[in-house]
Amino acid sequence: MSKIPENVEGTLELLGDGNYVSDRSLATAVHLSLQLGRPLFLEGEAGVGKTEIAKVLAETLGRKLVRLQCYEGLDVASAVYEWNYSAQMIEIRMAEAEGVSDRDRLGDDIFSDRFLIRRPLLQALQPTDGGAPVLLIDELDRTDEAFEAYLLEVLSDFQITIPEIGTIKAEETPIVIITSNRTREIHDALKRRCFYYWVDYPDAERELEILSIKAPQADEKLSRQVVEFVQRLRDMDLFKVPGIAETIDWASALNQLDIIELTPEAIDDTLGVLLKYQDDIAKIRGSEAAKILDEVKSEIAMAQQASA
């Protein structure tokens, strides 16, 4: 188990050890969250690396990763705890067969720890040998406001109240990362309990660095062209512009096809790796892709001449 970094530089190094290319402002937010024990709320477009931060922290700090994937209709039974009803029924039948008539005693028995099924939020409050776990609450914006309100107790005091047992409180504060793709606004009451950071798309140089780590097999010239092409797409009016994940996938796919330089034909053949909506693909395919590629090659050539 690694120690929590004592400064921002150490946090940058920690993220780098997990092959996460971070800028200083993001590393500062992560550092403050780790040092002060406050949840970190990460908002941004899909595919910019929000979820990856939790995975990297769990890996580099040697902590258990507990992931709660949010979805519409998520309830307490799926996110926090539920009782093992089938085991409880067996216990009741066995007690009846043995002639046990003390209902209070039977109630205490069946509503005890051994019949409790722990879901992610309750798991995150349990002590572990490697230290407090990393709790990832992923895509919180997919849930409804009722579940969001339930989280207030968890994030305020890191405790959960179970009526039949009482209040369970974390012995050590877990590392909490919450992500949102901003499909809806999260209530201020929850945000106030967190440190906030907007994870934006990287600039070209940082994205090229990410590509060199995540898709090192891709030709250097191809990687540069891929990054510049994607950077231009993000300035266009598309239904869903590509994220970093799509950039990595595209570079890997082109390399798999033994392509070492972008061509209009290669772009048209692989646009489905980069763009996920048919309207966007139809808008870019053909003459528009060729035009963007010409601009990309021209800019790269000018940059090389300037640096020569």
Protein backbone atom coordinates (compact mmCIF):
# COMPACT_ATOMS: atom_id res chain seq x y z
CA MET A 1 0.00 0.00 0.00
CA SER A 2 1.39 3.41 -1.01
CA LYS A 3 1.14 6.48 1.20
CA ILE A 4 -1.08 9.43 0.34
CA PRO A 5 1.13 12.00 -1.47
CA GLU A 6 2.14 14.95 0.68
CA ASN A 7 2.09 17.55 -2.12
CA VAL A 8 0.78 18.24 -5.62
CA GLU A 9 4.01 17.08 -7.25
CA GLY A 10 3.69 13.75 -5.47
CA THR A 11 0.10 13.43 -6.69
CA LEU A 12 1.18 14.14 -10.26
CA GLU A 13 3.79 11.40 -9.90
CA LEU A 14 1.24 9.03 -8.36
CA LEU A 15 -1.17 9.51 -11.27
CA GLY A 16 1.72 9.15 -13.69
CA ASP A 17 2.64 5.81 -12.10
CA GLY A 18 -0.81 4.65 -13.16
CA ASN A 19 -0.26 5.94 -16.73
CA TYR A 20 -2.70 8.81 -16.19
CA VAL A 21 -1.55 12.04 -17.85
CA SER A 22 -2.86 14.84 -15.66
CA ASP A 23 -2.41 18.59 -15.68
CA ARG A 24 -1.47 20.39 -12.47
CA SER A 25 -4.94 21.78 -11.73
CA LEU A 26 -6.53 18.30 -11.76
CA ALA A 27 -3.69 16.89 -9.66
CA THR A 28 -4.27 19.72 -7.17
CA ALA A 29 -7.96 18.79 -6.84
CA VAL A 30 -7.07 15.12 -6.34
CA HIS A 31 -4.38 16.03 -3.80
CA LEU A 32 -6.75 18.17 -1.71
CA SER A 33 -9.41 15.46 -1.79
CA LEU A 34 -6.92 12.84 -0.57
CA GLN A 35 -5.40 15.01 2.14
CA LEU A 36 -8.61 16.51 3.53
CA GLY A 37 -10.79 13.42 3.19
CA ARG A 38 -13.45 15.08 1.06
CA PRO A 39 -15.23 13.44 -1.89
CA LEU A 40 -14.08 14.62 -5.32
CA PHE A 41 -16.90 15.41 -7.74
CA LEU A 42 -15.71 15.18 -11.36
CA GLU A 43 -17.93 16.52 -14.10
CA GLY A 44 -17.26 16.52 -17.83
CA GLU A 45 -18.16 14.99 -21.17
CA ALA A 46 -18.14 11.23 -21.55
CA GLY A 47 -14.75 9.76 -22.39
CA VAL A 48 -12.48 12.42 -20.86
CA GLY A 49 -11.01 10.13 -18.16
CA LYS A 50 -13.13 10.79 -15.06
CA THR A 51 -13.70 7.14 -14.14
CA GLU A 52 -10.08 6.31 -14.85
CA ILE A 53 -8.93 8.54 -12.00
CA ALA A 54 -10.62 6.31 -9.42
CA LYS A 55 -9.16 3.18 -11.03
CA VAL A 56 -5.67 4.67 -11.05
CA LEU A 57 -5.89 5.79 -7.41
CA ALA A 58 -6.99 2.31 -6.33
CA GLU A 59 -4.14 0.74 -8.28
CA THR A 60 -1.35 3.10 -7.26
CA LEU A 61 -2.39 3.39 -3.60
CA GLY A 62 -2.98 -0.35 -3.31
CA ARG A 63 -6.60 0.10 -2.22
CA LYS A 64 -9.70 -1.92 -2.99
CA LEU A 65 -11.91 -0.33 -5.66
CA VAL A 66 -15.63 -0.37 -4.84
CA ARG A 67 -17.66 0.76 -7.84
CA LEU A 68 -21.30 1.82 -7.82
CA GLN A 69 -22.45 2.14 -11.43
CA CYS A 70 -25.48 4.42 -11.36
CA TYR A 71 -28.57 4.02 -13.52
CA GLU A 72 -32.16 5.20 -13.62
CA GLY A 73 -34.18 3.56 -10.85
CA LEU A 74 -31.18 2.71 -8.64
CA ASP A 75 -32.46 2.08 -5.13
CA VAL A 76 -31.17 1.33 -1.63
CA ALA A 77 -31.38 -2.45 -2.11
CA SER A 78 -29.02 -2.29 -5.09
CA ALA A 79 -26.70 0.45 -3.84
CA VAL A 80 -26.54 0.09 -0.05
CA TYR A 81 -27.86 -3.16 1.45
CA GLU A 82 -30.63 -5.69 1.47
CA TRP A 83 -31.60 -8.65 3.62
CA ASN A 84 -31.07 -12.22 2.51
CA TYR A 85 -34.77 -13.05 2.55
CA SER A 86 -34.42 -16.68 1.45
CA ALA A 87 -31.91 -17.40 4.23
CA GLN A 88 -34.15 -15.62 6.73
CA MET A 89 -37.13 -17.75 5.70
CA ILE A 90 -35.08 -20.93 6.17
CA GLU A 91 -34.04 -19.70 9.62
CA ILE A 92 -37.68 -19.04 10.55
CA ARG A 93 -38.79 -22.50 9.36
CA MET A 94 -35.99 -24.16 11.33
CA ALA A 95 -36.90 -22.17 14.45
CA GLU A 96 -40.55 -23.20 14.09
CA ALA A 97 -39.51 -26.84 13.70
CA GLU A 98 -37.47 -26.59 16.89
CA GLY A 99 -40.42 -25.06 18.74
CA VAL A 100 -38.89 -21.61 19.25
CA SER A 101 -41.74 -19.27 20.23
CA ASP A 102 -39.83 -16.17 21.37
CA ARG A 103 -40.56 -13.78 18.49
CA ASP A 104 -38.30 -11.02 19.81
CA ARG A 105 -35.36 -13.39 19.98
CA LEU A 106 -36.15 -14.75 16.53
CA GLY A 107 -36.40 -11.21 15.13
CA ASP A 108 -33.00 -10.35 16.60
CA ASP A 109 -31.55 -13.48 15.02
CA ILE A 110 -32.83 -12.98 11.49
CA PHE A 111 -32.04 -9.24 11.42
CA SER A 112 -28.40 -9.72 12.28
CA ASP A 113 -25.16 -9.21 10.44
CA ARG A 114 -25.01 -12.73 8.99
CA PHE A 115 -28.18 -12.12 6.95
CA LEU A 116 -27.08 -8.70 5.69
CA ILE A 117 -26.06 -8.42 2.02
CA ARG A 118 -23.68 -5.50 1.62
CA ARG A 119 -23.93 -3.48 -1.58
CA PRO A 120 -21.22 -1.01 -2.76
CA LEU A 121 -21.97 1.93 -0.42
CA LEU A 122 -21.99 -0.28 2.68
CA GLN A 123 -18.94 -2.20 1.45
CA ALA A 124 -17.03 1.09 1.22
CA LEU A 125 -17.53 1.72 4.94
CA GLN A 126 -16.03 -1.64 5.95
CA PRO A 127 -12.40 -1.74 7.13
CA THR A 128 -9.92 -3.58 4.91
CA ASP A 129 -6.32 -4.67 5.39
CA GLY A 130 -5.02 -2.32 2.68
CA GLY A 131 -6.67 0.80 4.11
CA ALA A 132 -9.95 2.48 3.30
CA PRO A 133 -11.19 1.60 -0.19
CA VAL A 134 -11.67 3.87 -3.17
CA LEU A 135 -15.43 4.34 -3.67
CA LEU A 136 -16.36 5.21 -7.25
CA ILE A 137 -19.92 6.52 -7.66
CA ASP A 138 -20.01 6.53 -11.44
CA GLU A 139 -22.42 8.63 -13.56
CA LEU A 140 -24.47 9.95 -10.66
CA ASP A 141 -26.51 12.07 -13.09
CA ARG A 142 -28.23 8.88 -14.31
CA THR A 143 -30.01 8.41 -10.96
CA ASP A 144 -32.98 10.36 -9.63
CA GLU A 145 -33.04 13.06 -6.94
CA ALA A 146 -34.35 10.67 -4.28
CA PHE A 147 -31.19 8.57 -4.41
CA GLU A 148 -29.08 11.71 -4.57
CA ALA A 149 -30.71 12.86 -1.31
CA TYR A 150 -29.96 9.48 0.29
CA LEU A 151 -26.26 10.02 -0.41
CA LEU A 152 -26.17 13.11 1.81
CA GLU A 153 -25.81 11.07 5.01
CA VAL A 154 -23.13 8.89 3.46
CA LEU A 155 -21.05 11.81 2.20
CA SER A 156 -21.55 14.00 5.28
CA ASP A 157 -20.62 11.55 8.05
CA PHE A 158 -19.63 8.42 6.13
CA GLN A 159 -22.28 6.43 7.91
CA ILE A 160 -25.37 4.45 6.96
CA THR A 161 -28.40 3.88 9.14
CA ILE A 162 -30.05 0.46 8.97
CA PRO A 163 -33.32 0.53 10.97
CA GLU A 164 -33.06 -3.08 12.18
CA ILE A 165 -29.43 -2.79 13.29
CA GLY A 166 -28.57 0.86 13.84
CA THR A 167 -25.93 3.18 12.39
CA ILE A 168 -22.80 1.78 10.75
CA LYS A 169 -19.97 4.32 10.58
CA ALA A 170 -16.69 4.03 8.68
CA GLU A 171 -13.65 3.53 10.89
CA GLU A 172 -11.54 5.18 8.19
CA THR A 173 -12.86 7.64 5.61
CA PRO A 174 -12.94 6.06 2.14
CA ILE A 175 -11.54 7.86 -0.89
CA VAL A 176 -14.65 8.93 -2.80
CA ILE A 177 -14.74 9.82 -6.49
CA ILE A 178 -18.10 10.86 -7.97
CA THR A 179 -18.51 11.33 -11.71
CA SER A 180 -21.21 12.99 -13.79
CA ASN A 181 -21.63 13.47 -17.54
CA ARG A 182 -23.95 16.39 -16.76
CA THR A 183 -27.04 14.97 -18.44
CA ARG A 184 -28.81 16.73 -15.57
CA GLU A 185 -27.78 19.10 -12.79
CA ILE A 186 -26.76 17.61 -9.45
CA HIS A 187 -28.27 19.31 -6.40
CA ASP A 188 -26.18 21.93 -4.59
CA ALA A 189 -26.60 20.13 -1.24
CA LEU A 190 -24.57 17.20 -2.55
CA LYS A 191 -22.00 19.34 -4.36
CA ARG A 192 -21.30 21.30 -1.17
CA ARG A 193 -20.05 18.09 0.43
CA CYS A 194 -17.46 17.61 -2.31
CA PHE A 195 -14.54 19.28 -3.99
CA TYR A 196 -15.47 20.01 -7.59
CA TYR A 197 -13.48 19.76 -10.81
CA TRP A 198 -14.51 20.02 -14.45
CA VAL A 199 -12.52 17.53 -16.53
CA ASP A 200 -12.13 19.03 -19.99
CA TYR A 201 -10.78 17.65 -23.23
CA PRO A 202 -6.96 17.80 -23.31
CA ASP A 203 -5.03 20.06 -25.64
CA ALA A 204 -3.18 18.50 -28.57
CA GLU A 205 0.16 18.05 -26.80
CA ARG A 206 -1.35 16.36 -23.75
CA GLU A 207 -3.55 14.16 -25.91
CA LEU A 208 -0.51 13.11 -27.94
CA GLU A 209 1.26 12.22 -24.68
CA ILE A 210 -1.77 10.16 -23.62
CA LEU A 211 -1.71 8.38 -26.97
CA SER A 212 1.98 7.56 -26.63
CA ILE A 213 1.17 5.76 -23.35
CA LYS A 214 -2.17 4.15 -24.20
CA ALA A 215 -1.48 3.27 -27.84
CA PRO A 216 2.34 3.11 -28.04
CA GLN A 217 2.23 0.74 -31.02
CA ALA A 218 0.81 3.45 -33.30
CA ASP A 219 3.27 5.21 -35.61
CA GLU A 220 4.37 8.62 -34.29
CA LYS A 221 3.35 10.38 -37.51
CA LEU A 222 -0.04 8.68 -37.48
CA SER A 223 -0.58 9.58 -33.81
CA ARG A 224 0.06 13.25 -34.53
CA GLN A 225 -2.39 13.22 -37.44
CA VAL A 226 -5.02 11.39 -35.38
CA VAL A 227 -4.77 13.89 -32.53
CA GLU A 228 -4.95 16.94 -34.80
CA PHE A 229 -7.91 15.47 -36.69
CA VAL A 230 -9.80 14.75 -33.46
CA GLN A 231 -9.00 18.21 -32.10
CA ARG A 232 -10.70 19.74 -35.15
CA LEU A 233 -13.75 17.52 -34.81
CA ARG A 234 -14.23 18.84 -31.27
CA ASP A 235 -14.67 22.34 -32.67
CA MET A 236 -17.45 21.21 -34.99
CA ASP A 237 -21.18 21.07 -34.38
CA LEU A 238 -21.54 17.32 -33.85
CA PHE A 239 -24.11 15.45 -31.79
CA LYS A 240 -21.29 13.78 -29.81
CA VAL A 241 -17.68 14.77 -30.32
CA PRO A 242 -15.08 12.06 -29.68
CA GLY A 243 -13.49 11.75 -26.25
CA ILE A 244 -10.01 10.60 -25.32
CA ALA A 245 -11.20 6.99 -25.23
CA GLU A 246 -12.29 7.24 -28.88
CA THR A 247 -8.95 8.79 -29.86
CA ILE A 248 -7.13 5.83 -28.33
CA ASP A 249 -9.49 3.33 -29.97
CA TRP A 250 -9.08 4.99 -33.37
CA ALA A 251 -5.28 5.03 -33.22
CA SER A 252 -5.26 1.36 -32.16
CA ALA A 253 -7.70 0.41 -34.95
CA LEU A 254 -5.66 2.21 -37.62
CA ASN A 255 -2.50 0.51 -36.38
CA GLN A 256 -4.28 -2.87 -36.53
CA LEU A 257 -4.99 -2.15 -40.19
CA ASP A 258 -1.26 -1.40 -40.76
CA ILE A 259 -2.03 2.23 -41.61
CA ILE A 260 0.93 4.53 -40.93
CA GLU A 261 -0.55 7.71 -42.37
CA LEU A 262 -4.10 9.04 -42.52
CA THR A 263 -5.81 9.03 -45.91
CA PRO A 264 -9.39 10.00 -46.83
CA GLU A 265 -10.13 6.33 -47.53
CA ALA A 266 -8.76 5.19 -44.15
CA ILE A 267 -10.85 7.83 -42.37
CA ASP A 268 -14.05 6.87 -44.18
CA ASP A 269 -13.50 3.18 -43.44
CA THR A 270 -12.94 3.67 -39.70
CA LEU A 271 -15.18 6.61 -38.75
CA GLY A 272 -17.42 4.23 -36.79
CA VAL A 273 -14.60 3.75 -34.30
CA LEU A 274 -14.34 7.49 -33.72
CA LEU A 275 -17.94 8.71 -34.02
CA LYS A 276 -20.95 6.95 -32.50
CA TYR A 277 -23.89 8.56 -34.29
CA GLN A 278 -24.80 8.03 -37.94
CA ASP A 279 -25.67 11.71 -38.49
CA ASP A 280 -22.18 12.70 -37.35
CA ILE A 281 -20.56 10.05 -39.56
CA ALA A 282 -22.58 11.19 -42.60
CA LYS A 283 -21.58 14.79 -41.91
CA ILE A 284 -17.84 14.05 -41.81
CA ARG A 285 -17.45 11.21 -44.31
CA GLY A 286 -16.19 12.04 -47.79
CA SER A 287 -15.26 15.56 -48.82
CA GLU A 288 -15.45 17.01 -45.30
CA ALA A 289 -13.01 14.41 -43.95
CA ALA A 290 -10.65 15.05 -46.88
CA LYS A 291 -10.82 18.80 -46.23
CA ILE A 292 -10.04 18.41 -42.52
CA LEU A 293 -7.16 16.04 -43.32
CA ASP A 294 -5.64 18.56 -45.75
CA GLU A 295 -5.76 21.21 -43.03
CA VAL A 296 -4.20 18.83 -40.53
CA LYS A 297 -1.32 17.87 -42.82
CA SER A 298 -0.72 21.50 -43.77
CA GLU A 299 -0.56 22.61 -40.13
CA ILE A 300 1.75 19.75 -39.13
CA ALA A 301 4.08 20.56 -42.04
CA MET A 302 4.18 24.24 -41.07
CA ALA A 303 4.94 23.35 -37.46
CA GLN A 304 7.78 21.09 -38.54
CA GLN A 305 9.25 23.81 -40.75
CA ALA A 306 9.05 26.32 -37.94
CA SER A 307 10.88 24.01 -35.54
CA ALA A 308 13.57 23.05 -38.06
